[in-house]
C-alpha atoms as a PDB file:
ATOM      1  CA  MET A   1      52.187  -2.187  -4.576  1.00  0.00           C
ATOM      2  CA  THR A   2      49.052  -1.477  -2.580  1.00  0.00           C
ATOM      3  CA  THR A   3      45.539  -1.359  -3.958  1.00  0.00           C
ATOM      4  CA  PRO A   4      43.919   2.065  -3.553  1.00  0.00           C
ATOM      5  CA  GLN A   5      40.962   2.123  -1.174  1.00  0.00           C
ATOM      6  CA  PRO A   6      37.584   2.822  -2.791  1.00  0.00           C
ATOM      7  CA  GLN A   7      35.789   6.024  -1.840  1.00  0.00           C
ATOM      8  CA  PRO A   8      33.277   5.440   0.998  1.00  0.00           C
ATOM      9  CA  PHE A   9      30.434   6.974  -1.018  1.00  0.00           C
ATOM     10  CA  ASP A  10      29.576   8.072  -4.555  1.00  0.00           C
ATOM     11  CA  ALA A  11      29.977  11.867  -4.548  1.00  0.00           C
ATOM     12  CA  ALA A  12      28.231  12.045  -7.942  1.00  0.00           C
ATOM     13  CA  ASN A  13      25.046  10.535  -6.491  1.00  0.00           C
ATOM     14  CA  ASP A  14      22.437  13.339  -6.404  1.00  0.00           C
ATOM     15  CA  LEU A  15      20.367  11.332  -3.916  1.00  0.00           C
ATOM     16  CA  LEU A  16      23.136  11.263  -1.291  1.00  0.00           C
ATOM     17  CA  ALA A  17      21.823  12.990   1.821  1.00  0.00           C
ATOM     18  CA  GLU A  18      21.322  12.395   5.514  1.00  0.00           C
ATOM     19  CA  THR A  19      18.384  10.127   6.219  1.00  0.00           C
ATOM     20  CA  PRO A  20      17.007   8.433   9.312  1.00  0.00           C
ATOM     21  CA  ALA A  21      18.691   5.083   9.849  1.00  0.00           C
ATOM     22  CA  GLN A  22      18.746   2.302  12.414  1.00  0.00           C
ATOM     23  CA  LEU A  23      21.718   0.163  13.394  1.00  0.00           C
ATOM     24  CA  LEU A  24      20.683  -3.191  14.836  1.00  0.00           C
ATOM     25  CA  THR A  25      22.875  -5.995  16.160  1.00  0.00           C
ATOM     26  CA  ALA A  26      22.171  -9.551  17.290  1.00  0.00           C
ATOM     27  CA  LEU A  27      24.278 -12.590  18.116  1.00  0.00           C
ATOM     28  CA  ILE A  28      23.199 -15.609  16.089  1.00  0.00           C
ATOM     29  CA  GLU A  29      24.335 -19.206  15.784  1.00  0.00           C
ATOM     30  CA  THR A  30      25.294 -20.356  12.285  1.00  0.00           C
ATOM     31  CA  PRO A  31      26.770 -23.632  10.991  1.00  0.00           C
ATOM     32  CA  ALA A  32      30.144 -21.808  11.022  1.00  0.00           C
ATOM     33  CA  GLY A  33      29.698 -20.767  14.685  1.00  0.00           C
ATOM     34  CA  GLN A  34      28.456 -17.655  16.468  1.00  0.00           C
ATOM     35  CA  ARG A  35      28.231 -14.495  14.368  1.00  0.00           C
ATOM     36  CA  LEU A  36      27.290 -10.889  14.974  1.00  0.00           C
ATOM     37  CA  ALA A  37      24.439  -9.932  12.644  1.00  0.00           C
ATOM     38  CA  LEU A  38      24.850  -6.218  11.964  1.00  0.00           C
ATOM     39  CA  THR A  39      21.938  -4.599  10.138  1.00  0.00           C
ATOM     40  CA  VAL A  40      21.575  -1.042   8.829  1.00  0.00           C
ATOM     41  CA  ARG A  41      18.015  -0.050   7.910  1.00  0.00           C
ATOM     42  CA  THR A  42      16.928   3.065   6.034  1.00  0.00           C
ATOM     43  CA  ALA A  43      13.618   3.928   4.385  1.00  0.00           C
ATOM     44  CA  SER A  44      14.798   2.405   1.110  1.00  0.00           C
ATOM     45  CA  THR A  45      17.393  -0.231   2.029  1.00  0.00           C
ATOM     46  CA  THR A  46      18.258  -2.946   4.513  1.00  0.00           C
ATOM     47  CA  LEU A  47      21.810  -4.293   4.626  1.00  0.00           C
ATOM     48  CA  THR A  48      22.873  -7.145   6.904  1.00  0.00           C
ATOM     49  CA  VAL A  49      26.352  -8.595   7.305  1.00  0.00           C
ATOM     50  CA  LEU A  50      27.412 -11.538   9.463  1.00  0.00           C
ATOM     51  CA  LEU A  51      30.695 -10.949  11.262  1.00  0.00           C
ATOM     52  CA  GLY A  52      32.963 -13.297  13.147  1.00  0.00           C
ATOM     53  CA  ALA A  53      34.495 -12.096  16.412  1.00  0.00           C
ATOM     54  CA  ALA A  54      37.705 -10.743  14.845  1.00  0.00           C
ATOM     55  CA  ASP A  55      35.820  -8.891  12.109  1.00  0.00           C
ATOM     56  CA  ALA A  56      33.317  -7.464  14.627  1.00  0.00           C
ATOM     57  CA  LYS A  57      36.212  -6.101  16.709  1.00  0.00           C
ATOM     58  CA  ALA A  58      37.875  -4.621  13.602  1.00  0.00           C
ATOM     59  CA  TRP A  59      34.608  -2.952  12.502  1.00  0.00           C
ATOM     60  CA  ALA A  60      34.079  -1.599  16.042  1.00  0.00           C
ATOM     61  CA  ALA A  61      37.599  -0.137  16.083  1.00  0.00           C
ATOM     62  CA  THR A  62      37.073   1.474  12.664  1.00  0.00           C
ATOM     63  CA  LEU A  63      33.762   3.037  13.778  1.00  0.00           C
ATOM     64  CA  ALA A  64      35.291   4.264  17.042  1.00  0.00           C
ATOM     65  CA  GLN A  65      38.239   5.812  15.190  1.00  0.00           C
ATOM     66  CA  ALA A  66      35.945   7.578  12.695  1.00  0.00           C
ATOM     67  CA  ALA A  67      33.642   8.807  15.474  1.00  0.00           C
ATOM     68  CA  GLY A  68      36.672  10.133  17.361  1.00  0.00           C
ATOM     69  CA  ALA A  69      37.709  12.111  14.276  1.00  0.00           C
ATOM     70  CA  MET A  70      34.343  13.864  14.004  1.00  0.00           C
ATOM     71  CA  SER A  71      34.063  17.546  14.842  1.00  0.00           C
ATOM     72  CA  SER A  72      31.370  18.710  17.252  1.00  0.00           C
ATOM     73  CA  SER A  73      29.241  19.776  14.277  1.00  0.00           C
ATOM     74  CA  GLY A  74      29.048  16.172  13.115  1.00  0.00           C
ATOM     75  CA  LEU A  75      31.418  16.615  10.184  1.00  0.00           C
ATOM     76  CA  ILE A  76      34.301  14.205   9.771  1.00  0.00           C
ATOM     77  CA  VAL A  77      37.626  15.985   9.946  1.00  0.00           C
ATOM     78  CA  ALA A  78      39.699  14.893   6.956  1.00  0.00           C
ATOM     79  CA  THR A  79      43.343  14.047   7.373  1.00  0.00           C
ATOM     80  CA  VAL A  80      45.972  13.987   4.653  1.00  0.00           C
ATOM     81  CA  ASN A  81      48.086  10.876   4.170  1.00  0.00           C
ATOM     82  CA  GLY A  82      51.705  10.951   3.116  1.00  0.00           C
ATOM     83  CA  ASN A  83      50.572  10.589  -0.504  1.00  0.00           C
ATOM     84  CA  GLY A  84      48.712  13.939  -0.318  1.00  0.00           C
ATOM     85  CA  LYS A  85      45.281  12.323  -0.468  1.00  0.00           C
ATOM     86  CA  ALA A  86      42.594  12.580   2.180  1.00  0.00           C
ATOM     87  CA  GLY A  87      42.052   9.459   4.196  1.00  0.00           C
END
């Protein structure tokens, strides 16, 4: 049995809207080895994650796949999985 994936955003959030954002990356040395520090900054939030090489490549592939699915208007084109749900 697989665990259902959580929705990527809270559709009930009235504050959900496009906002200026920055994506910053830097390679840093940690006690566990080199990591990619990936930071997303908005007017109200800063989120940073430290990724190992394999995770950084997986995140990059996920972003590239999502960007490739976008229409020219900037909307993501939904696909329907075999279970009838968008994904």
